Structures are given as C-alpha cells and as structure tokens.
Amino acid sequence: MSQKSQKEYETILPEEMIREIDRVSKLKKFDEKKREKLTKEVQKVYLNSAFEPGEAVGIIAAQSISEPATQMTMRTYHFAGSAGMQITLGLPRLIEVFDARKEPTTPTMTIYLKKEFNDQKNSEKIAKKIKEKRLKGFVESVSLDLTNKVVKIKLKPEYEKKFEKITEILKLKFKKYKMMRRHSVIDVSVEDDIEIKELQRIKKKVLESIISGIPKITNTVVFNEGKDWVIRTLGSNFEKLVKIEEIDFYRSYTNNIHEVAETLGIEAARSVLLSELNSILEQQGLEVDKRHLTLIVDIMTFEGAIEAVGRYGVAGSKASILTRAGFEETVKHLVRASVRNEADNFNGLFENIMVNQQIPVGTGMFDLIVRMEDE
C-alpha cells in the first residue's frame, strides 16, 4: 500500500484502532500487503458500525436498553459469600442507577490489598479492622438510674482490657455528657435535670456510637479470587477506605456512584456508572451494545454531576416546555412556562411529534435552499 493510501484509510479510524492494528501486525509479523488487508477490514467494520448523520441515537439507545430490561428475571437478589450478604440485582438495581439514588439499597465495596498484605491472614485481619463495631456489641447489660438520671452501661467480661480505651472514645464523642468509670461499668449522665424520655434517648445514642472500624461498613466477607485475597463489604464508605495504608486504592471498587464522584471526580463516577450497567445486564444474560449505555452515561454526567434520567434530572432539564410537560407533571410545567413567558422553539423530536410537524431527524434535519435564476 502506498504511504498516501495508507493515510487515507487511517484518517477514518481512531488513533486507538490504528495502534491496535500496528500491535497485531507486529505480533503476527504481517507484511505491508497483509497489513493493508487488515486495515481495510477494520475500516469496513468500523464504518458499518457508525451511525448515519441525523440518526435518532437517543431513541435507539432508550429502546435498546428498555426492551431487554423488560425481560429481566425475577431473581433480583443474590447472596454473596458464607455471611449471606443480600445484594440487589436486576431491574431494581437498574432503576436505582438510572434514578441516580444517593444511596443504593445494598451498598457494597470490593477491596483489593497491596502485594505485601495479599494473603489470608492479613485480609482477615483487615476485614475485622474495617468492620464497624458499635458500643452495643461490647455491652453485657444496660440499666437506667431514674433517681440520679444516669445510664449505667456494663461491658462484657472479655472486653475489660479495652475498658479504658472505650471510655476515652466515648468521652471524645460525647463531650457534653459526663462519663464516670466504676469497675466494668460506665455511668453516663448530664449536668442538667432531664426527663426520662431524654435519658432513654441518651442511652440509645451512646449504645449506637461507633467504637472502631469504618462507619457504614456493617459486614465483611473474605474470599480468594485467583492470586488475590479480596474483601467484600456490606455498606460503603469509599472516602475513609482510600486512607487505609494496606488497601490497593487503584483496584478497589464501590457500587455507590455518588461516593466515587465526591472522592475521585465525575470521570471516575462515569466509569463506575458504565461498569454497573454492564454488570447488571450481563448478570441477567442480556446483551446490549455498549455504545447505547455509553450515550446514556454521558448524558447523565454531562453537566459535571450525576443526574437522574427522570423528571428531576435529564428529562426535567429539557429546553422544550412541551417535552417536559409530556413526560410528567404536565400542569406544573405549563403553568410555570406561562408565568415566566417562556417560548418553545420546536427544536427537538417530541414537541414536533405533538403538533404533527416534521421532526428534525434524518432527512428532516436538513433545509433545502434553492437559488432561482431570473428568467
């Protein structure tokens, strides 16, 4: 192939594909003729995969995802590991992702360890270290001294060695409460005269306080995955997790997309969104072209924050008044538009369909201009 024709083929293809062609050609030891044939075949497949100008890609993406989603099985939960952690799957999880819920129904993290800590002993030790432990797990009995308005917390005998440490943690957490140590009993009181109801509230608050571990991580399971010892958690706190020295930060993962956005930024959250959608569909044995998923994910993260697909996100932020009104909350959008003196320019699909006009898609997106010559 001449240098000129080679460049003509390669200008059509993305740089990543050209690099891949070079890599395969070197690996297979192709001569120029075979490399040319490979480039032509790749170009052919690439052009066949491309959308035509004016294609309604949004409609195609929506249909391509929603149709298989209706075929999802009713197996919507999965028990992970011997601890029996119930993980939400299928349609409920798909709805969570598209709704951009702040907190998933079952937030989980998959934690990988650095090379020097990647063994069973260390992984079990770290799993115990990160699991949250509340004071109620250390307590043998709790009683209320109604006369003196004091909460008496007696620790289990096996935790007597940790008594001093637990007391210090409670003092730091509850500075406005008075903590007194008596053998294996902690007395909690306040200086002001309080009612019994308030005393009950103090008891509950102190018992629910976290003594050790990472908040929100309620359970951990350690399992072997090839050469890696992996920790799966129920509950997610990605910001705190990445500060732990033993954790391999670059491989660890959480299904809480908003936590990823806050900790690593919107591009990382976009990758997690795409990964979650792929995973949900693959678990159900459904095949959806990744380009459709990528388009949806790009729209959800386009503004620099994660937006839901529904009325309070992407659909609710459409420029067209009729499109917003046609989706949900019709009266609200029409009244608001009339009060604000807004106009609809009919630039999109739905508003033109509503009024039976030609839609700006395919051949309809072009205007024909004719220059008439004077006779």
Protein backbone atom coordinates (compact mmCIF):
# COMPACT_ATOMS: atom_id res chain seq x y z
CA MET A 1 0.00 0.00 0.00
CA SER A 2 1.36 3.45 -0.80
CA GLN A 3 2.01 5.90 2.01
CA LYS A 4 -0.81 8.14 0.70
CA SER A 5 -3.49 5.42 0.54
CA GLN A 6 -2.37 4.13 3.95
CA LYS A 7 -3.01 7.58 5.43
CA GLU A 8 -6.40 7.83 3.72
CA TYR A 9 -7.54 4.59 5.40
CA GLU A 10 -6.16 5.57 8.77
CA THR A 11 -7.65 9.08 8.89
CA ILE A 12 -11.08 7.45 9.09
CA LEU A 13 -10.09 5.26 12.05
CA PRO A 14 -9.50 6.47 15.64
CA GLU A 15 -5.89 6.54 16.88
CA GLU A 16 -6.54 3.70 19.32
CA MET A 17 -7.62 1.38 16.47
CA ILE A 18 -4.55 2.32 14.40
CA ARG A 19 -2.31 1.48 17.37
CA GLU A 20 -4.12 -1.85 17.76
CA ILE A 21 -3.63 -2.62 14.04
CA ASP A 22 0.11 -1.88 14.46
CA ARG A 23 0.30 -4.12 17.53
CA VAL A 24 -1.46 -7.06 15.83
CA SER A 25 0.61 -6.62 12.64
CA LYS A 26 3.87 -6.78 14.62
CA LEU A 27 2.65 -9.73 16.67
CA LYS A 28 1.56 -11.72 13.59
CA LYS A 29 4.58 -10.45 11.56
CA PHE A 30 2.36 -9.15 8.72
CA ASP A 31 3.95 -7.69 5.61
CA GLU A 32 2.59 -4.47 4.04
CA LYS A 33 0.03 -6.32 1.90
CA LYS A 34 -1.48 -8.20 4.86
CA ARG A 35 -1.46 -5.07 6.98
CA GLU A 36 -3.35 -3.24 4.21
CA LYS A 37 -5.95 -6.02 4.08
CA LEU A 38 -6.37 -5.90 7.87
CA THR A 39 -6.73 -2.10 7.81
CA LYS A 40 -9.41 -2.32 5.08
CA GLU A 41 -11.39 -4.95 7.03
CA VAL A 42 -11.23 -2.92 10.24
CA GLN A 43 -12.31 0.20 8.35
CA LYS A 44 -15.22 -1.70 6.78
CA VAL A 45 -16.49 -2.95 10.15
CA TYR A 46 -15.93 0.49 11.70
CA LEU A 47 -17.95 2.32 9.01
CA ASN A 48 -20.75 -0.27 9.17
CA SER A 49 -20.92 0.30 12.93
CA ALA A 50 -21.15 4.09 12.63
CA PHE A 51 -24.45 5.94 12.79
CA GLU A 52 -25.73 7.80 9.75
CA PRO A 53 -25.88 11.61 10.06
CA GLY A 54 -29.23 12.55 11.55
CA GLU A 55 -29.82 9.18 13.24
CA ALA A 56 -32.06 9.40 16.33
CA VAL A 57 -29.42 7.86 18.60
CA GLY A 58 -31.23 8.78 21.81
CA ILE A 59 -34.41 6.93 20.83
CA ILE A 60 -32.42 3.89 19.66
CA ALA A 61 -30.39 3.82 22.90
CA ALA A 62 -33.55 4.09 25.04
CA GLN A 63 -35.30 1.31 23.13
CA SER A 64 -32.19 -0.91 23.09
CA ILE A 65 -31.90 -0.77 26.88
CA SER A 66 -35.57 -0.71 27.94
CA GLU A 67 -36.71 -3.63 25.75
CA PRO A 68 -34.21 -6.17 27.19
CA ALA A 69 -34.82 -4.72 30.68
CA THR A 70 -38.47 -5.87 30.48
CA GLN A 71 -37.16 -9.44 30.01
CA MET A 72 -35.20 -9.41 33.27
CA THR A 73 -35.87 -12.35 35.55
CA MET A 74 -37.42 -12.03 38.97
CA ARG A 75 -34.13 -13.15 40.56
CA THR A 76 -33.42 -9.71 41.97
CA TYR A 77 -31.29 -10.64 44.99
CA HIS A 78 -28.06 -12.56 45.37
CA PHE A 79 -26.43 -14.00 48.50
CA ALA A 80 -22.70 -13.27 48.43
CA GLY A 81 -20.34 -15.47 50.42
CA SER A 82 -20.84 -17.51 53.55
CA ALA A 83 -22.07 -14.48 55.51
CA GLY A 84 -25.15 -14.35 53.27
CA MET A 85 -25.00 -10.71 52.25
CA GLN A 86 -28.07 -9.89 50.19
CA ILE A 87 -27.13 -7.90 47.08
CA THR A 88 -29.75 -6.15 44.93
CA LEU A 89 -29.63 -7.17 41.26
CA GLY A 90 -31.77 -6.99 38.12
CA LEU A 91 -34.46 -4.42 37.45
CA PRO A 92 -34.49 -2.87 40.99
CA ARG A 93 -30.75 -2.17 40.71
CA LEU A 94 -31.12 -0.85 37.13
CA ILE A 95 -33.81 1.59 38.32
CA GLU A 96 -31.51 2.70 41.18
CA VAL A 97 -28.70 3.51 38.74
CA PHE A 98 -30.91 5.42 36.27
CA ASP A 99 -32.56 7.29 39.16
CA ALA A 100 -29.05 8.22 40.44
CA ARG A 101 -30.06 7.31 44.01
CA LYS A 102 -27.82 8.89 46.64
CA GLU A 103 -27.56 5.58 48.49
CA PRO A 104 -28.02 2.14 46.86
CA THR A 105 -30.36 -0.34 48.59
CA THR A 106 -27.36 -2.58 49.21
CA PRO A 107 -24.16 -0.51 49.01
CA THR A 108 -21.09 -2.74 48.65
CA MET A 109 -17.33 -2.40 48.23
CA THR A 110 -14.85 -4.83 46.69
CA ILE A 111 -11.48 -4.27 48.33
CA TYR A 112 -8.13 -5.42 46.95
CA LEU A 113 -4.96 -5.38 49.05
CA LYS A 114 -1.41 -4.30 48.28
CA LYS A 115 1.06 -7.06 47.37
CA GLU A 116 2.68 -7.26 50.82
CA PHE A 117 -0.70 -7.72 52.55
CA ASN A 118 -2.25 -10.03 49.93
CA ASP A 119 -2.65 -13.22 51.99
CA GLN A 120 -5.40 -14.88 54.01
CA LYS A 121 -4.11 -13.86 57.45
CA ASN A 122 -3.73 -10.17 56.60
CA SER A 123 -7.00 -9.99 54.64
CA GLU A 124 -8.96 -11.44 57.59
CA LYS A 125 -7.20 -9.04 59.96
CA ILE A 126 -8.00 -6.01 57.75
CA ALA A 127 -11.62 -7.20 57.30
CA LYS A 128 -12.04 -7.19 61.10
CA LYS A 129 -10.31 -3.82 61.35
CA ILE A 130 -12.58 -2.03 58.86
CA LYS A 131 -15.91 -3.53 60.02
CA GLU A 132 -17.75 -1.02 62.18
CA LYS A 133 -18.19 -2.00 65.82
CA ARG A 134 -20.81 -0.19 67.89
CA LEU A 135 -20.80 0.06 71.67
CA LYS A 136 -23.87 -2.22 71.95
CA GLY A 137 -21.68 -5.11 70.69
CA PHE A 138 -19.39 -4.73 73.75
CA VAL A 139 -22.20 -4.41 76.31
CA GLU A 140 -23.48 -7.09 78.67
CA SER A 141 -26.31 -5.06 80.23
CA VAL A 142 -27.76 -1.54 80.34
CA SER A 143 -29.80 -0.03 83.18
CA LEU A 144 -31.27 3.39 83.99
CA ASP A 145 -30.87 5.02 87.41
CA LEU A 146 -34.05 7.11 87.35
CA THR A 147 -33.33 8.78 90.71
CA ASN A 148 -29.95 10.21 89.72
CA LYS A 149 -30.75 10.30 85.97
CA VAL A 150 -27.78 8.10 85.00
CA VAL A 151 -27.35 5.49 82.25
CA LYS A 152 -25.32 2.53 83.55
CA ILE A 153 -23.54 0.50 80.87
CA LYS A 154 -21.84 -2.75 81.91
CA LEU A 155 -19.30 -4.21 79.49
CA LYS A 156 -18.84 -7.92 78.79
CA PRO A 157 -16.00 -9.51 80.85
CA GLU A 158 -13.92 -10.31 77.70
CA TYR A 159 -13.70 -6.58 76.91
CA GLU A 160 -12.36 -5.47 80.30
CA LYS A 161 -8.89 -4.88 78.79
CA LYS A 162 -10.44 -2.44 76.33
CA PHE A 163 -12.43 -0.68 79.06
CA GLU A 164 -10.15 2.34 79.32
CA LYS A 165 -9.89 2.78 75.55
CA ILE A 166 -13.69 2.54 75.08
CA THR A 167 -14.24 5.12 77.83
CA GLU A 168 -11.78 7.54 76.20
CA ILE A 169 -13.50 7.15 72.81
CA LEU A 170 -16.91 7.86 74.39
CA LYS A 171 -15.54 10.94 76.17
CA LEU A 172 -14.28 12.32 72.86
CA LYS A 173 -17.56 11.57 71.07
CA PHE A 174 -19.88 12.90 73.79
CA LYS A 175 -18.13 15.89 75.35
CA LYS A 176 -21.38 17.32 76.76
CA TYR A 177 -22.07 14.10 78.70
CA LYS A 178 -20.39 13.20 81.98
CA MET A 179 -18.61 9.80 81.87
CA MET A 180 -17.69 8.01 85.14
CA ARG A 181 -15.84 4.67 85.34
CA ARG A 182 -16.72 2.17 88.06
CA HIS A 183 -15.03 -1.22 87.61
CA SER A 184 -16.62 -2.62 84.41
CA VAL A 185 -19.50 -0.09 84.45
CA ILE A 186 -19.64 3.27 82.63
CA ASP A 187 -22.01 5.86 84.10
CA VAL A 188 -23.36 8.37 81.57
CA SER A 189 -25.14 11.48 82.84
CA VAL A 190 -25.71 15.17 82.11
CA GLU A 191 -25.45 18.07 84.50
CA ASP A 192 -28.92 19.43 83.72
CA ASP A 193 -32.09 17.95 85.12
CA ILE A 194 -33.71 15.92 82.33
CA GLU A 195 -36.84 13.89 81.77
CA ILE A 196 -36.88 10.07 81.50
CA LYS A 197 -37.64 10.32 77.78
CA GLU A 198 -34.43 12.31 77.23
CA LEU A 199 -32.48 9.78 79.31
CA GLN A 200 -33.78 7.00 77.05
CA ARG A 201 -32.64 8.99 74.02
CA ILE A 202 -29.13 9.41 75.51
CA LYS A 203 -28.96 5.64 76.19
CA LYS A 204 -29.83 4.82 72.58
CA LYS A 205 -27.40 7.42 71.20
CA VAL A 206 -24.47 6.15 73.29
CA LEU A 207 -25.14 2.47 72.52
CA GLU A 208 -25.25 3.19 68.75
CA SER A 209 -21.92 5.08 68.82
CA ILE A 210 -19.10 3.55 66.73
CA ILE A 211 -16.10 2.44 68.77
CA SER A 212 -13.88 1.12 65.98
CA GLY A 213 -13.85 0.37 62.24
CA ILE A 214 -15.17 2.41 59.32
CA PRO A 215 -18.70 3.84 59.69
CA LYS A 216 -21.39 2.28 57.43
CA ILE A 217 -19.46 -0.98 56.86
CA THR A 218 -21.77 -3.41 58.66
CA ASN A 219 -20.39 -6.72 57.38
CA THR A 220 -17.30 -8.13 55.65
CA VAL A 221 -16.55 -11.35 53.76
CA VAL A 222 -13.06 -12.54 52.74
CA PHE A 223 -12.70 -14.78 49.69
CA ASN A 224 -10.00 -15.96 47.31
CA GLU A 225 -10.04 -14.75 43.70
CA GLY A 226 -7.16 -16.29 41.75
CA LYS A 227 -3.97 -14.84 43.20
CA ASP A 228 -5.84 -12.20 45.22
CA TRP A 229 -7.47 -12.26 48.62
CA VAL A 230 -10.47 -9.94 48.28
CA ILE A 231 -12.69 -8.34 50.93
CA ARG A 232 -16.35 -7.76 50.04
CA THR A 233 -18.23 -5.40 52.36
CA LEU A 234 -21.88 -4.68 53.00
CA GLY A 235 -22.02 -0.92 53.30
CA SER A 236 -19.79 1.64 51.63
CA ASN A 237 -17.55 4.46 52.80
CA PHE A 238 -15.08 4.98 49.98
CA GLU A 239 -13.62 8.24 51.29
CA LYS A 240 -12.48 6.59 54.55
CA LEU A 241 -11.38 3.37 52.83
CA VAL A 242 -8.86 5.01 50.50
CA LYS A 243 -6.97 6.38 53.52
CA ILE A 244 -6.12 2.87 54.79
CA GLU A 245 -2.49 2.03 54.03
CA GLU A 246 -2.97 -1.69 53.25
CA ILE A 247 -5.65 -1.11 50.59
CA ASP A 248 -4.81 -1.20 46.88
CA PHE A 249 -6.62 2.01 46.06
CA TYR A 250 -6.33 1.63 42.27
CA ARG A 251 -8.26 -1.66 42.10
CA SER A 252 -10.78 -1.26 44.94
CA TYR A 253 -14.35 -0.54 43.91
CA THR A 254 -17.68 0.64 45.31
CA ASN A 255 -21.16 0.50 43.74
CA ASN A 256 -22.03 3.84 45.37
CA ILE A 257 -21.61 6.16 42.38
CA HIS A 258 -22.02 9.41 44.34
CA GLU A 259 -19.20 8.43 46.73
CA VAL A 260 -16.90 7.85 43.75
CA ALA A 261 -17.86 11.26 42.29
CA GLU A 262 -17.10 13.00 45.61
CA THR A 263 -13.81 11.15 46.16
CA LEU A 264 -12.36 10.73 42.65
CA GLY A 265 -14.37 13.09 40.43
CA ILE A 266 -17.02 12.87 37.72
CA GLU A 267 -14.93 10.92 35.16
CA ALA A 268 -14.37 8.09 37.67
CA ALA A 269 -18.10 8.15 38.51
CA ARG A 270 -18.89 7.88 34.78
CA SER A 271 -16.71 4.74 34.56
CA VAL A 272 -18.48 3.22 37.57
CA LEU A 273 -21.90 4.04 36.07
CA LEU A 274 -20.93 2.26 32.84
CA SER A 275 -19.46 -0.69 34.74
CA GLU A 276 -22.59 -1.05 36.91
CA LEU A 277 -24.94 -1.01 33.90
CA ASN A 278 -22.81 -3.58 32.05
CA SER A 279 -22.67 -5.80 35.14
CA ILE A 280 -26.46 -5.64 35.78
CA LEU A 281 -27.29 -6.64 32.18
CA GLU A 282 -24.62 -9.35 31.96
CA GLN A 283 -25.81 -10.97 35.21
CA GLN A 284 -29.24 -11.32 33.63
CA GLY A 285 -27.78 -12.76 30.40
CA LEU A 286 -28.80 -9.71 28.34
CA GLU A 287 -26.66 -8.27 25.55
CA VAL A 288 -26.83 -4.53 24.90
CA ASP A 289 -24.36 -2.69 22.68
CA LYS A 290 -22.05 -0.68 24.93
CA ARG A 291 -22.46 2.41 22.74
CA HIS A 292 -26.08 2.74 23.90
CA LEU A 293 -25.00 2.52 27.54
CA THR A 294 -22.15 4.98 26.93
CA LEU A 295 -24.57 7.52 25.45
CA ILE A 296 -26.88 7.32 28.48
CA VAL A 297 -23.94 7.56 30.90
CA ASP A 298 -22.50 10.58 29.03
CA ILE A 299 -25.85 12.39 29.26
CA MET A 300 -26.15 11.58 32.99
CA THR A 301 -22.68 13.06 33.73
CA PHE A 302 -22.55 15.80 31.06
CA GLU A 303 -23.16 18.70 33.48
CA GLY A 304 -20.30 17.65 35.81
CA ALA A 305 -22.62 15.99 38.33
CA ILE A 306 -24.62 12.76 38.29
CA GLU A 307 -28.16 13.44 37.09
CA ALA A 308 -31.09 11.03 37.11
CA VAL A 309 -32.72 10.14 33.81
CA GLY A 310 -36.18 11.05 35.16
CA ARG A 311 -38.15 14.23 35.75
CA TYR A 312 -35.71 15.70 38.30
CA GLY A 313 -32.71 15.10 36.05
CA VAL A 314 -32.16 14.74 32.31
CA ALA A 315 -35.85 14.65 31.25
CA GLY A 316 -36.75 17.53 33.58
CA SER A 317 -33.99 19.76 32.24
CA LYS A 318 -35.04 19.61 28.57
CA ALA A 319 -35.23 23.01 26.87
CA SER A 320 -38.65 22.29 25.36
CA ILE A 321 -41.68 23.10 27.52
CA LEU A 322 -43.91 20.57 25.72
CA THR A 323 -41.32 17.80 26.15
CA ARG A 324 -41.10 18.43 29.90
CA ALA A 325 -44.89 18.64 30.15
CA GLY A 326 -45.34 15.46 28.12
CA PHE A 327 -43.07 13.44 30.40
CA GLU A 328 -44.56 14.04 33.88
CA GLU A 329 -46.18 16.85 35.91
CA THR A 330 -47.90 18.38 32.87
CA VAL A 331 -49.81 21.21 34.59
CA LYS A 332 -46.79 22.32 36.65
CA HIS A 333 -44.59 22.83 33.57
CA LEU A 334 -47.28 24.57 31.51
CA VAL A 335 -48.23 26.97 34.34
CA ARG A 336 -44.58 27.75 35.11
CA ALA A 337 -43.87 28.44 31.41
CA SER A 338 -46.87 30.76 31.11
CA VAL A 339 -45.93 32.69 34.28
CA ARG A 340 -42.34 33.10 33.06
CA ASN A 341 -43.42 33.94 29.50
CA GLU A 342 -41.29 31.12 28.06
CA ALA A 343 -41.38 30.10 24.37
CA ASP A 344 -40.92 26.67 22.77
CA ASN A 345 -38.72 26.78 19.65
CA PHE A 346 -39.61 23.25 18.47
CA ASN A 347 -36.01 22.13 18.05
CA GLY A 348 -36.48 18.58 19.36
CA LEU A 349 -38.31 15.38 18.46
CA PHE A 350 -41.17 15.11 20.93
CA GLU A 351 -42.56 18.63 20.69
CA ASN A 352 -42.70 18.38 16.85
CA ILE A 353 -44.47 15.00 17.02
CA MET A 354 -47.05 16.53 19.41
CA VAL A 355 -48.02 19.22 16.90
CA ASN A 356 -47.68 16.95 13.83
CA GLN A 357 -44.69 18.73 12.34
CA GLN A 358 -41.69 17.22 10.55
CA ILE A 359 -39.12 16.09 13.09
CA PRO A 360 -35.51 17.34 12.92
CA VAL A 361 -34.09 13.80 12.45
CA GLY A 362 -32.70 12.03 9.37
CA THR A 363 -33.63 13.91 6.19
CA GLY A 364 -35.86 16.17 8.29
CA MET A 365 -32.84 17.83 9.92
CA PHE A 366 -31.76 19.47 6.67
CA ASP A 367 -33.27 22.50 4.96
CA LEU A 368 -33.22 22.76 1.17
CA ILE A 369 -32.19 26.11 -0.23
CA VAL A 370 -32.76 26.82 -3.92
CA ARG A 371 -31.32 29.77 -5.76
CA MET A 372 -33.79 30.71 -8.51
CA GLU A 373 -32.27 32.28 -11.58
CA ASP A 374 -34.03 35.19 -13.17
CA GLU A 375 -35.72 34.21 -16.41
